[in-house]
mmCIF file of all heavy atoms, coordinates in Angstrom:
data_MODEL
# 
_entry.id   MODEL 
# 
loop_
_atom_site.group_PDB 
_atom_site.id 
_atom_site.type_symbol 
_atom_site.label_atom_id 
_atom_site.label_alt_id 
_atom_site.label_comp_id 
_atom_site.label_asym_id 
_atom_site.label_entity_id 
_atom_site.label_seq_id 
_atom_site.pdbx_PDB_ins_code 
_atom_site.Cartn_x 
_atom_site.Cartn_y 
_atom_site.Cartn_z 
_atom_site.occupancy 
_atom_site.B_iso_or_equiv 
_atom_site.pdbx_formal_charge 
_atom_site.auth_seq_id 
_atom_site.auth_comp_id 
_atom_site.auth_asym_id 
_atom_site.auth_atom_id 
_atom_site.pdbx_PDB_model_num 
ATOM 1   N N   . GLU A 1 1  ? 126.147 141.220 79.653 1.00 0.00 ? 1  GLU A N   1 
ATOM 2   C CA  . GLU A 1 1  ? 125.033 140.872 78.887 1.00 0.00 ? 1  GLU A CA  1 
ATOM 3   C C   . GLU A 1 1  ? 123.710 141.621 79.298 1.00 0.00 ? 1  GLU A C   1 
ATOM 4   O O   . GLU A 1 1  ? 123.702 142.270 80.384 1.00 0.00 ? 1  GLU A O   1 
ATOM 5   C CB  . GLU A 1 1  ? 124.813 139.377 79.059 1.00 0.00 ? 1  GLU A CB  1 
ATOM 6   C CG  . GLU A 1 1  ? 125.950 138.452 78.603 1.00 0.00 ? 1  GLU A CG  1 
ATOM 7   C CD  . GLU A 1 1  ? 126.105 138.266 77.098 1.00 0.00 ? 1  GLU A CD  1 
ATOM 8   O OE1 . GLU A 1 1  ? 125.293 138.978 76.303 1.00 0.00 ? 1  GLU A OE1 1 
ATOM 9   O OE2 . GLU A 1 1  ? 126.980 137.525 76.682 1.00 0.00 ? 1  GLU A OE2 1 
ATOM 10  N N   . HIS A 1 2  ? 122.700 141.505 78.453 1.00 0.00 ? 2  HIS A N   1 
ATOM 11  C CA  . HIS A 1 2  ? 121.437 142.276 78.748 1.00 0.00 ? 2  HIS A CA  1 
ATOM 12  C C   . HIS A 1 2  ? 120.902 141.889 80.071 1.00 0.00 ? 2  HIS A C   1 
ATOM 13  O O   . HIS A 1 2  ? 120.090 142.570 80.720 1.00 0.00 ? 2  HIS A O   1 
ATOM 14  C CB  . HIS A 1 2  ? 120.429 142.167 77.577 1.00 0.00 ? 2  HIS A CB  1 
ATOM 15  C CG  . HIS A 1 2  ? 120.879 142.813 76.326 1.00 0.00 ? 2  HIS A CG  1 
ATOM 16  N ND1 . HIS A 1 2  ? 121.017 144.279 76.283 1.00 0.00 ? 2  HIS A ND1 1 
ATOM 17  C CD2 . HIS A 1 2  ? 121.233 142.403 75.122 1.00 0.00 ? 2  HIS A CD2 1 
ATOM 18  C CE1 . HIS A 1 2  ? 121.428 144.539 75.086 1.00 0.00 ? 2  HIS A CE1 1 
ATOM 19  N NE2 . HIS A 1 2  ? 121.544 143.435 74.351 1.00 0.00 ? 2  HIS A NE2 1 
ATOM 20  N N   . SER A 1 3  ? 121.201 140.595 80.573 1.00 0.00 ? 3  SER A N   1 
ATOM 21  C CA  . SER A 1 3  ? 120.672 140.141 81.876 1.00 0.00 ? 3  SER A CA  1 
ATOM 22  C C   . SER A 1 3  ? 121.220 140.935 82.980 1.00 0.00 ? 3  SER A C   1 
ATOM 23  O O   . SER A 1 3  ? 120.660 140.968 84.009 1.00 0.00 ? 3  SER A O   1 
ATOM 24  C CB  . SER A 1 3  ? 121.022 138.674 82.047 1.00 0.00 ? 3  SER A CB  1 
ATOM 25  O OG  . SER A 1 3  ? 122.430 138.511 82.120 1.00 0.00 ? 3  SER A OG  1 
ATOM 26  N N   . GLY A 1 4  ? 122.422 141.595 82.778 1.00 0.00 ? 4  GLY A N   1 
ATOM 27  C CA  . GLY A 1 4  ? 123.067 142.438 83.729 1.00 0.00 ? 4  GLY A CA  1 
ATOM 28  C C   . GLY A 1 4  ? 123.844 141.623 84.805 1.00 0.00 ? 4  GLY A C   1 
ATOM 29  O O   . GLY A 1 4  ? 124.410 142.238 85.675 1.00 0.00 ? 4  GLY A O   1 
ATOM 30  N N   . THR A 1 5  ? 123.958 140.372 84.604 1.00 0.00 ? 5  THR A N   1 
ATOM 31  C CA  . THR A 1 5  ? 124.800 139.596 85.501 1.00 0.00 ? 5  THR A CA  1 
ATOM 32  C C   . THR A 1 5  ? 126.032 139.001 84.903 1.00 0.00 ? 5  THR A C   1 
ATOM 33  O O   . THR A 1 5  ? 127.199 139.199 85.444 1.00 0.00 ? 5  THR A O   1 
ATOM 34  C CB  . THR A 1 5  ? 123.961 138.397 86.071 1.00 0.00 ? 5  THR A CB  1 
ATOM 35  O OG1 . THR A 1 5  ? 123.434 137.598 85.008 1.00 0.00 ? 5  THR A OG1 1 
ATOM 36  C CG2 . THR A 1 5  ? 122.842 138.796 86.979 1.00 0.00 ? 5  THR A CG2 1 
ATOM 37  N N   . ASP A 1 6  ? 125.994 138.429 83.807 1.00 0.00 ? 6  ASP A N   1 
ATOM 38  C CA  . ASP A 1 6  ? 127.193 137.830 83.031 1.00 0.00 ? 6  ASP A CA  1 
ATOM 39  C C   . ASP A 1 6  ? 127.813 138.946 82.288 1.00 0.00 ? 6  ASP A C   1 
ATOM 40  O O   . ASP A 1 6  ? 127.300 139.745 81.610 1.00 0.00 ? 6  ASP A O   1 
ATOM 41  C CB  . ASP A 1 6  ? 126.839 136.625 82.169 1.00 0.00 ? 6  ASP A CB  1 
ATOM 42  C CG  . ASP A 1 6  ? 126.243 135.538 83.075 1.00 0.00 ? 6  ASP A CG  1 
ATOM 43  O OD1 . ASP A 1 6  ? 126.591 135.353 84.226 1.00 0.00 ? 6  ASP A OD1 1 
ATOM 44  O OD2 . ASP A 1 6  ? 125.343 134.765 82.538 1.00 0.00 ? 6  ASP A OD2 1 
ATOM 45  N N   . TYR A 1 7  ? 129.222 138.770 82.218 1.00 0.00 ? 7  TYR A N   1 
ATOM 46  C CA  . TYR A 1 7  ? 129.996 139.729 81.472 1.00 0.00 ? 7  TYR A CA  1 
ATOM 47  C C   . TYR A 1 7  ? 129.844 139.375 79.881 1.00 0.00 ? 7  TYR A C   1 
ATOM 48  O O   . TYR A 1 7  ? 129.834 138.128 79.540 1.00 0.00 ? 7  TYR A O   1 
ATOM 49  C CB  . TYR A 1 7  ? 131.462 139.782 81.821 1.00 0.00 ? 7  TYR A CB  1 
ATOM 50  C CG  . TYR A 1 7  ? 131.703 140.531 83.031 1.00 0.00 ? 7  TYR A CG  1 
ATOM 51  C CD1 . TYR A 1 7  ? 132.015 139.858 84.237 1.00 0.00 ? 7  TYR A CD1 1 
ATOM 52  C CD2 . TYR A 1 7  ? 131.569 141.956 83.125 1.00 0.00 ? 7  TYR A CD2 1 
ATOM 53  C CE1 . TYR A 1 7  ? 132.171 140.461 85.433 1.00 0.00 ? 7  TYR A CE1 1 
ATOM 54  C CE2 . TYR A 1 7  ? 131.881 142.640 84.268 1.00 0.00 ? 7  TYR A CE2 1 
ATOM 55  C CZ  . TYR A 1 7  ? 132.110 141.986 85.455 1.00 0.00 ? 7  TYR A CZ  1 
ATOM 56  O OH  . TYR A 1 7  ? 132.352 142.582 86.517 1.00 0.00 ? 7  TYR A OH  1 
ATOM 57  N N   . ASP A 1 8  ? 129.869 140.383 79.036 1.00 0.00 ? 8  ASP A N   1 
ATOM 58  C CA  . ASP A 1 8  ? 129.709 140.274 77.615 1.00 0.00 ? 8  ASP A CA  1 
ATOM 59  C C   . ASP A 1 8  ? 131.058 139.968 77.060 1.00 0.00 ? 8  ASP A C   1 
ATOM 60  O O   . ASP A 1 8  ? 131.878 140.880 76.801 1.00 0.00 ? 8  ASP A O   1 
ATOM 61  C CB  . ASP A 1 8  ? 129.106 141.533 76.986 1.00 0.00 ? 8  ASP A CB  1 
ATOM 62  C CG  . ASP A 1 8  ? 128.995 141.404 75.406 1.00 0.00 ? 8  ASP A CG  1 
ATOM 63  O OD1 . ASP A 1 8  ? 128.901 140.292 74.925 1.00 0.00 ? 8  ASP A OD1 1 
ATOM 64  O OD2 . ASP A 1 8  ? 129.039 142.394 74.837 1.00 0.00 ? 8  ASP A OD2 1 
ATOM 65  N N   . LEU A 1 9  ? 131.484 138.706 76.957 1.00 0.00 ? 9  LEU A N   1 
ATOM 66  C CA  . LEU A 1 9  ? 132.830 138.390 76.523 1.00 0.00 ? 9  LEU A CA  1 
ATOM 67  C C   . LEU A 1 9  ? 132.963 138.324 75.014 1.00 0.00 ? 9  LEU A C   1 
ATOM 68  O O   . LEU A 1 9  ? 132.129 137.747 74.390 1.00 0.00 ? 9  LEU A O   1 
ATOM 69  C CB  . LEU A 1 9  ? 133.171 136.977 77.072 1.00 0.00 ? 9  LEU A CB  1 
ATOM 70  C CG  . LEU A 1 9  ? 133.157 136.851 78.585 1.00 0.00 ? 9  LEU A CG  1 
ATOM 71  C CD1 . LEU A 1 9  ? 133.402 135.338 79.027 1.00 0.00 ? 9  LEU A CD1 1 
ATOM 72  C CD2 . LEU A 1 9  ? 134.146 137.786 79.295 1.00 0.00 ? 9  LEU A CD2 1 
ATOM 73  N N   . ALA A 1 10 ? 133.912 139.070 74.492 1.00 0.00 ? 10 ALA A N   1 
ATOM 74  C CA  . ALA A 1 10 ? 134.173 139.059 72.997 1.00 0.00 ? 10 ALA A CA  1 
ATOM 75  C C   . ALA A 1 10 ? 135.226 137.952 72.643 1.00 0.00 ? 10 ALA A C   1 
ATOM 76  O O   . ALA A 1 10 ? 136.013 137.412 73.496 1.00 0.00 ? 10 ALA A O   1 
ATOM 77  C CB  . ALA A 1 10 ? 134.607 140.514 72.629 1.00 0.00 ? 10 ALA A CB  1 
ATOM 78  N N   . LYS A 1 11 ? 135.326 137.795 71.349 1.00 0.00 ? 11 LYS A N   1 
ATOM 79  C CA  . LYS A 1 11 ? 136.354 136.882 70.826 1.00 0.00 ? 11 LYS A CA  1 
ATOM 80  C C   . LYS A 1 11 ? 137.157 137.678 69.741 1.00 0.00 ? 11 LYS A C   1 
ATOM 81  O O   . LYS A 1 11 ? 136.493 138.275 68.924 1.00 0.00 ? 11 LYS A O   1 
ATOM 82  C CB  . LYS A 1 11 ? 135.690 135.702 70.194 1.00 0.00 ? 11 LYS A CB  1 
ATOM 83  C CG  . LYS A 1 11 ? 136.638 134.644 69.663 1.00 0.00 ? 11 LYS A CG  1 
ATOM 84  C CD  . LYS A 1 11 ? 135.862 133.431 69.068 1.00 0.00 ? 11 LYS A CD  1 
ATOM 85  C CE  . LYS A 1 11 ? 136.729 132.445 68.545 1.00 0.00 ? 11 LYS A CE  1 
ATOM 86  N NZ  . LYS A 1 11 ? 136.057 131.131 67.953 1.00 0.00 ? 11 LYS A NZ  1 
ATOM 87  N N   . GLU A 1 12 ? 138.444 137.509 69.909 1.00 0.00 ? 12 GLU A N   1 
ATOM 88  C CA  . GLU A 1 12 ? 139.294 138.263 68.961 1.00 0.00 ? 12 GLU A CA  1 
ATOM 89  C C   . GLU A 1 12 ? 140.188 137.331 68.175 1.00 0.00 ? 12 GLU A C   1 
ATOM 90  O O   . GLU A 1 12 ? 140.268 136.050 68.451 1.00 0.00 ? 12 GLU A O   1 
ATOM 91  C CB  . GLU A 1 12 ? 140.171 139.352 69.657 1.00 0.00 ? 12 GLU A CB  1 
ATOM 92  C CG  . GLU A 1 12 ? 139.194 140.421 70.277 1.00 0.00 ? 12 GLU A CG  1 
ATOM 93  C CD  . GLU A 1 12 ? 140.037 141.530 70.923 1.00 0.00 ? 12 GLU A CD  1 
ATOM 94  O OE1 . GLU A 1 12 ? 141.324 141.419 71.093 1.00 0.00 ? 12 GLU A OE1 1 
ATOM 95  O OE2 . GLU A 1 12 ? 139.387 142.577 71.295 1.00 0.00 ? 12 GLU A OE2 1 
ATOM 96  N N   . GLY A 1 13 ? 140.828 137.815 67.169 1.00 0.00 ? 13 GLY A N   1 
ATOM 97  C CA  . GLY A 1 13 ? 141.677 136.957 66.300 1.00 0.00 ? 13 GLY A CA  1 
ATOM 98  C C   . GLY A 1 13 ? 142.767 136.200 67.169 1.00 0.00 ? 13 GLY A C   1 
ATOM 99  O O   . GLY A 1 13 ? 143.484 136.820 67.948 1.00 0.00 ? 13 GLY A O   1 
ATOM 100 N N   . GLY A 1 14 ? 142.920 134.874 66.862 1.00 0.00 ? 14 GLY A N   1 
ATOM 101 C CA  . GLY A 1 14 ? 143.854 134.122 67.517 1.00 0.00 ? 14 GLY A CA  1 
ATOM 102 C C   . GLY A 1 14 ? 143.323 133.316 68.761 1.00 0.00 ? 14 GLY A C   1 
ATOM 103 O O   . GLY A 1 14 ? 143.987 132.507 69.364 1.00 0.00 ? 14 GLY A O   1 
ATOM 104 N N   . HIS A 1 15 ? 142.176 133.815 69.359 1.00 0.00 ? 15 HIS A N   1 
ATOM 105 C CA  . HIS A 1 15 ? 141.558 133.271 70.502 1.00 0.00 ? 15 HIS A CA  1 
ATOM 106 C C   . HIS A 1 15 ? 140.688 132.161 70.153 1.00 0.00 ? 15 HIS A C   1 
ATOM 107 O O   . HIS A 1 15 ? 139.878 132.269 69.116 1.00 0.00 ? 15 HIS A O   1 
ATOM 108 C CB  . HIS A 1 15 ? 140.792 134.332 71.320 1.00 0.00 ? 15 HIS A CB  1 
ATOM 109 C CG  . HIS A 1 15 ? 141.718 135.253 71.971 1.00 0.00 ? 15 HIS A CG  1 
ATOM 110 N ND1 . HIS A 1 15 ? 142.237 135.042 73.304 1.00 0.00 ? 15 HIS A ND1 1 
ATOM 111 C CD2 . HIS A 1 15 ? 142.152 136.509 71.664 1.00 0.00 ? 15 HIS A CD2 1 
ATOM 112 C CE1 . HIS A 1 15 ? 142.971 136.120 73.667 1.00 0.00 ? 15 HIS A CE1 1 
ATOM 113 N NE2 . HIS A 1 15 ? 142.988 136.965 72.653 1.00 0.00 ? 15 HIS A NE2 1 
ATOM 114 N N   . SER A 1 16 ? 140.599 131.058 70.920 1.00 0.00 ? 16 SER A N   1 
ATOM 115 C CA  . SER A 1 16 ? 139.779 129.852 70.579 1.00 0.00 ? 16 SER A CA  1 
ATOM 116 C C   . SER A 1 16 ? 138.473 129.984 71.346 1.00 0.00 ? 16 SER A C   1 
ATOM 117 O O   . SER A 1 16 ? 137.666 129.051 71.157 1.00 0.00 ? 16 SER A O   1 
ATOM 118 C CB  . SER A 1 16 ? 140.591 128.546 70.941 1.00 0.00 ? 16 SER A CB  1 
ATOM 119 O OG  . SER A 1 16 ? 140.849 128.602 72.365 1.00 0.00 ? 16 SER A OG  1 
ATOM 120 N N   . ASP A 1 17 ? 138.329 130.996 72.220 1.00 0.00 ? 17 ASP A N   1 
ATOM 121 C CA  . ASP A 1 17 ? 137.095 131.161 72.955 1.00 0.00 ? 17 ASP A CA  1 
ATOM 122 C C   . ASP A 1 17 ? 136.733 132.579 73.284 1.00 0.00 ? 17 ASP A C   1 
ATOM 123 O O   . ASP A 1 17 ? 137.526 133.434 73.017 1.00 0.00 ? 17 ASP A O   1 
ATOM 124 C CB  . ASP A 1 17 ? 137.203 130.352 74.224 1.00 0.00 ? 17 ASP A CB  1 
ATOM 125 C CG  . ASP A 1 17 ? 135.927 129.640 74.752 1.00 0.00 ? 17 ASP A CG  1 
ATOM 126 O OD1 . ASP A 1 17 ? 134.833 130.309 74.517 1.00 0.00 ? 17 ASP A OD1 1 
ATOM 127 O OD2 . ASP A 1 17 ? 135.902 128.596 75.229 1.00 0.00 ? 17 ASP A OD2 1 
ATOM 128 N N   . PHE A 1 18 ? 135.538 132.877 73.716 1.00 0.00 ? 18 PHE A N   1 
ATOM 129 C CA  . PHE A 1 18 ? 135.131 134.242 74.080 1.00 0.00 ? 18 PHE A CA  1 
ATOM 130 C C   . PHE A 1 18 ? 135.639 134.473 75.508 1.00 0.00 ? 18 PHE A C   1 
ATOM 131 O O   . PHE A 1 18 ? 135.180 133.966 76.432 1.00 0.00 ? 18 PHE A O   1 
ATOM 132 C CB  . PHE A 1 18 ? 133.705 134.242 74.075 1.00 0.00 ? 18 PHE A CB  1 
ATOM 133 C CG  . PHE A 1 18 ? 132.999 134.205 72.703 1.00 0.00 ? 18 PHE A CG  1 
ATOM 134 C CD1 . PHE A 1 18 ? 132.813 132.940 72.088 1.00 0.00 ? 18 PHE A CD1 1 
ATOM 135 C CD2 . PHE A 1 18 ? 132.669 135.385 72.046 1.00 0.00 ? 18 PHE A CD2 1 
ATOM 136 C CE1 . PHE A 1 18 ? 132.307 132.892 70.799 1.00 0.00 ? 18 PHE A CE1 1 
ATOM 137 C CE2 . PHE A 1 18 ? 131.999 135.311 70.799 1.00 0.00 ? 18 PHE A CE2 1 
ATOM 138 C CZ  . PHE A 1 18 ? 131.890 134.041 70.105 1.00 0.00 ? 18 PHE A CZ  1 
ATOM 139 N N   . ARG A 1 19 ? 136.720 135.428 75.504 1.00 0.00 ? 19 ARG A N   1 
ATOM 140 C CA  . ARG A 1 19 ? 137.389 135.667 76.838 1.00 0.00 ? 19 ARG A CA  1 
ATOM 141 C C   . ARG A 1 19 ? 137.765 137.138 76.977 1.00 0.00 ? 19 ARG A C   1 
ATOM 142 O O   . ARG A 1 19 ? 138.559 137.433 77.891 1.00 0.00 ? 19 ARG A O   1 
ATOM 143 C CB  . ARG A 1 19 ? 138.474 134.692 77.024 1.00 0.00 ? 19 ARG A CB  1 
ATOM 144 C CG  . ARG A 1 19 ? 139.626 134.861 76.086 1.00 0.00 ? 19 ARG A CG  1 
ATOM 145 C CD  . ARG A 1 19 ? 140.885 134.121 76.532 1.00 0.00 ? 19 ARG A CD  1 
ATOM 146 N NE  . ARG A 1 19 ? 140.621 132.680 76.469 1.00 0.00 ? 19 ARG A NE  1 
ATOM 147 C CZ  . ARG A 1 19 ? 141.161 131.836 75.490 1.00 0.00 ? 19 ARG A CZ  1 
ATOM 148 N NH1 . ARG A 1 19 ? 141.868 132.383 74.497 1.00 0.00 ? 19 ARG A NH1 1 
ATOM 149 N NH2 . ARG A 1 19 ? 140.923 130.621 75.431 1.00 0.00 ? 19 ARG A NH2 1 
ATOM 150 N N   . ILE A 1 20 ? 137.322 137.994 76.091 1.00 0.00 ? 20 ILE A N   1 
ATOM 151 C CA  . ILE A 1 20 ? 137.732 139.437 76.148 1.00 0.00 ? 20 ILE A CA  1 
ATOM 152 C C   . ILE A 1 20 ? 136.782 140.269 76.893 1.00 0.00 ? 20 ILE A C   1 
ATOM 153 O O   . ILE A 1 20 ? 135.623 140.458 76.470 1.00 0.00 ? 20 ILE A O   1 
ATOM 154 C CB  . ILE A 1 20 ? 137.954 140.013 74.777 1.00 0.00 ? 20 ILE A CB  1 
ATOM 155 C CG1 . ILE A 1 20 ? 138.759 139.010 73.812 1.00 0.00 ? 20 ILE A CG1 1 
ATOM 156 C CG2 . ILE A 1 20 ? 138.674 141.357 74.792 1.00 0.00 ? 20 ILE A CG2 1 
ATOM 157 C CD1 . ILE A 1 20 ? 140.068 138.704 74.233 1.00 0.00 ? 20 ILE A CD1 1 
ATOM 158 N N   . LEU A 1 21 ? 137.148 140.742 78.093 1.00 0.00 ? 21 LEU A N   1 
ATOM 159 C CA  . LEU A 1 21 ? 136.341 141.660 78.770 1.00 0.00 ? 21 LEU A CA  1 
ATOM 160 C C   . LEU A 1 21 ? 136.535 143.077 78.281 1.00 0.00 ? 21 LEU A C   1 
ATOM 161 O O   . LEU A 1 21 ? 137.753 143.425 77.989 1.00 0.00 ? 21 LEU A O   1 
ATOM 162 C CB  . LEU A 1 21 ? 136.697 141.621 80.333 1.00 0.00 ? 21 LEU A CB  1 
ATOM 163 C CG  . LEU A 1 21 ? 136.300 140.493 81.079 1.00 0.00 ? 21 LEU A CG  1 
ATOM 164 C CD1 . LEU A 1 21 ? 137.482 139.518 81.304 1.00 0.00 ? 21 LEU A CD1 1 
ATOM 165 C CD2 . LEU A 1 21 ? 135.755 140.776 82.453 1.00 0.00 ? 21 LEU A CD2 1 
ATOM 166 N N   . HIS A 1 22 ? 135.539 143.838 78.149 1.00 0.00 ? 22 HIS A N   1 
ATOM 167 C CA  . HIS A 1 22 ? 135.644 145.137 77.443 1.00 0.00 ? 22 HIS A CA  1 
ATOM 168 C C   . HIS A 1 22 ? 134.632 146.075 77.949 1.00 0.00 ? 22 HIS A C   1 
ATOM 169 O O   . HIS A 1 22 ? 133.707 145.694 78.552 1.00 0.00 ? 22 HIS A O   1 
ATOM 170 C CB  . HIS A 1 22 ? 135.512 144.948 75.842 1.00 0.00 ? 22 HIS A CB  1 
ATOM 171 C CG  . HIS A 1 22 ? 134.121 144.343 75.548 1.00 0.00 ? 22 HIS A CG  1 
ATOM 172 N ND1 . HIS A 1 22 ? 132.954 145.043 75.378 1.00 0.00 ? 22 HIS A ND1 1 
ATOM 173 C CD2 . HIS A 1 22 ? 133.714 142.998 75.433 1.00 0.00 ? 22 HIS A CD2 1 
ATOM 174 C CE1 . HIS A 1 22 ? 132.043 144.258 75.122 1.00 0.00 ? 22 HIS A CE1 1 
ATOM 175 N NE2 . HIS A 1 22 ? 132.497 142.974 75.151 1.00 0.00 ? 22 HIS A NE2 1 
ATOM 176 N N   . PHE A 1 23 ? 134.862 147.414 77.768 1.00 0.00 ? 23 PHE A N   1 
ATOM 177 C CA  . PHE A 1 23 ? 133.946 148.418 77.962 1.00 0.00 ? 23 PHE A CA  1 
ATOM 178 C C   . PHE A 1 23 ? 133.792 149.210 76.660 1.00 0.00 ? 23 PHE A C   1 
ATOM 179 O O   . PHE A 1 23 ? 134.620 150.034 76.411 1.00 0.00 ? 23 PHE A O   1 
ATOM 180 C CB  . PHE A 1 23 ? 134.354 149.377 79.168 1.00 0.00 ? 23 PHE A CB  1 
ATOM 181 C CG  . PHE A 1 23 ? 133.519 150.395 79.474 1.00 0.00 ? 23 PHE A CG  1 
ATOM 182 C CD1 . PHE A 1 23 ? 132.319 150.137 80.142 1.00 0.00 ? 23 PHE A CD1 1 
ATOM 183 C CD2 . PHE A 1 23 ? 133.623 151.722 79.078 1.00 0.00 ? 23 PHE A CD2 1 
ATOM 184 C CE1 . PHE A 1 23 ? 131.416 151.117 80.525 1.00 0.00 ? 23 PHE A CE1 1 
ATOM 185 C CE2 . PHE A 1 23 ? 132.695 152.674 79.450 1.00 0.00 ? 23 PHE A CE2 1 
ATOM 186 C CZ  . PHE A 1 23 ? 131.653 152.488 80.028 1.00 0.00 ? 23 PHE A CZ  1 
ATOM 187 N N   . LYS A 1 24 ? 132.667 148.968 75.991 1.00 0.00 ? 24 LYS A N   1 
ATOM 188 C CA  . LYS A 1 24 ? 132.359 149.570 74.754 1.00 0.00 ? 24 LYS A CA  1 
ATOM 189 C C   . LYS A 1 24 ? 133.695 149.290 73.885 1.00 0.00 ? 24 LYS A C   1 
ATOM 190 O O   . LYS A 1 24 ? 134.069 148.202 73.740 1.00 0.00 ? 24 LYS A O   1 
ATOM 191 C CB  . LYS A 1 24 ? 132.072 151.102 74.893 1.00 0.00 ? 24 LYS A CB  1 
ATOM 192 C CG  . LYS A 1 24 ? 130.912 151.314 75.815 1.00 0.00 ? 24 LYS A CG  1 
ATOM 193 C CD  . LYS A 1 24 ? 129.598 150.663 75.460 1.00 0.00 ? 24 LYS A CD  1 
ATOM 194 C CE  . LYS A 1 24 ? 128.515 150.886 76.554 1.00 0.00 ? 24 LYS A CE  1 
ATOM 195 N NZ  . LYS A 1 24 ? 127.382 150.211 76.274 1.00 0.00 ? 24 LYS A NZ  1 
ATOM 196 N N   . ASP A 1 25 ? 134.066 150.301 73.173 1.00 0.00 ? 25 ASP A N   1 
ATOM 197 C CA  . ASP A 1 25 ? 135.428 150.312 72.493 1.00 0.00 ? 25 ASP A CA  1 
ATOM 198 C C   . ASP A 1 25 ? 136.503 151.239 73.076 1.00 0.00 ? 25 ASP A C   1 
ATOM 199 O O   . ASP A 1 25 ? 137.325 151.739 72.310 1.00 0.00 ? 25 ASP A O   1 
ATOM 200 C CB  . ASP A 1 25 ? 135.159 150.513 70.996 1.00 0.00 ? 25 ASP A CB  1 
ATOM 201 C CG  . ASP A 1 25 ? 134.439 151.843 70.743 1.00 0.00 ? 25 ASP A CG  1 
ATOM 202 O OD1 . ASP A 1 25 ? 134.044 152.510 71.693 1.00 0.00 ? 25 ASP A OD1 1 
ATOM 203 O OD2 . ASP A 1 25 ? 134.195 152.144 69.538 1.00 0.00 ? 25 ASP A OD2 1 
ATOM 204 N N   . ILE A 1 26 ? 136.266 151.548 74.366 1.00 0.00 ? 26 ILE A N   1 
ATOM 205 C CA  . ILE A 1 26 ? 137.300 152.317 75.107 1.00 0.00 ? 26 ILE A CA  1 
ATOM 206 C C   . ILE A 1 26 ? 137.697 151.632 76.404 1.00 0.00 ? 26 ILE A C   1 
ATOM 207 O O   . ILE A 1 26 ? 137.803 152.332 77.468 1.00 0.00 ? 26 ILE A O   1 
ATOM 208 C CB  . ILE A 1 26 ? 136.688 153.786 75.312 1.00 0.00 ? 26 ILE A CB  1 
ATOM 209 C CG1 . ILE A 1 26 ? 135.336 153.628 76.093 1.00 0.00 ? 26 ILE A CG1 1 
ATOM 210 C CG2 . ILE A 1 26 ? 136.628 154.501 74.069 1.00 0.00 ? 26 ILE A CG2 1 
ATOM 211 C CD1 . ILE A 1 26 ? 134.836 154.973 76.693 1.00 0.00 ? 26 ILE A CD1 1 
ATOM 212 N N   . THR A 1 27 ? 138.049 150.298 76.289 1.00 0.00 ? 27 THR A N   1 
ATOM 213 C CA  . THR A 1 27 ? 138.426 149.619 77.522 1.00 0.00 ? 27 THR A CA  1 
ATOM 214 C C   . THR A 1 27 ? 139.585 150.186 78.265 1.00 0.00 ? 27 THR A C   1 
ATOM 215 O O   . THR A 1 27 ? 139.500 150.363 79.496 1.00 0.00 ? 27 THR A O   1 
ATOM 216 C CB  . THR A 1 27 ? 138.666 148.173 77.101 1.00 0.00 ? 27 THR A CB  1 
ATOM 217 O OG1 . THR A 1 27 ? 137.614 147.653 76.347 1.00 0.00 ? 27 THR A OG1 1 
ATOM 218 C CG2 . THR A 1 27 ? 138.905 147.257 78.399 1.00 0.00 ? 27 THR A CG2 1 
ATOM 219 N N   . GLY A 1 28 ? 140.670 150.541 77.502 1.00 0.00 ? 28 GLY A N   1 
ATOM 220 C CA  . GLY A 1 28 ? 141.855 151.144 78.069 1.00 0.00 ? 28 GLY A CA  1 
ATOM 221 C C   . GLY A 1 28 ? 141.476 152.437 78.802 1.00 0.00 ? 28 GLY A C   1 
ATOM 222 O O   . GLY A 1 28 ? 141.959 152.610 80.060 1.00 0.00 ? 28 GLY A O   1 
# 
């Protein structure tokens, strides 16, 4: 997140919560 401390968690299809750690759109 912009605070620089918490991770920016995303939410994707089928997930009930925000739990996707990512790096831009090139995580792999």
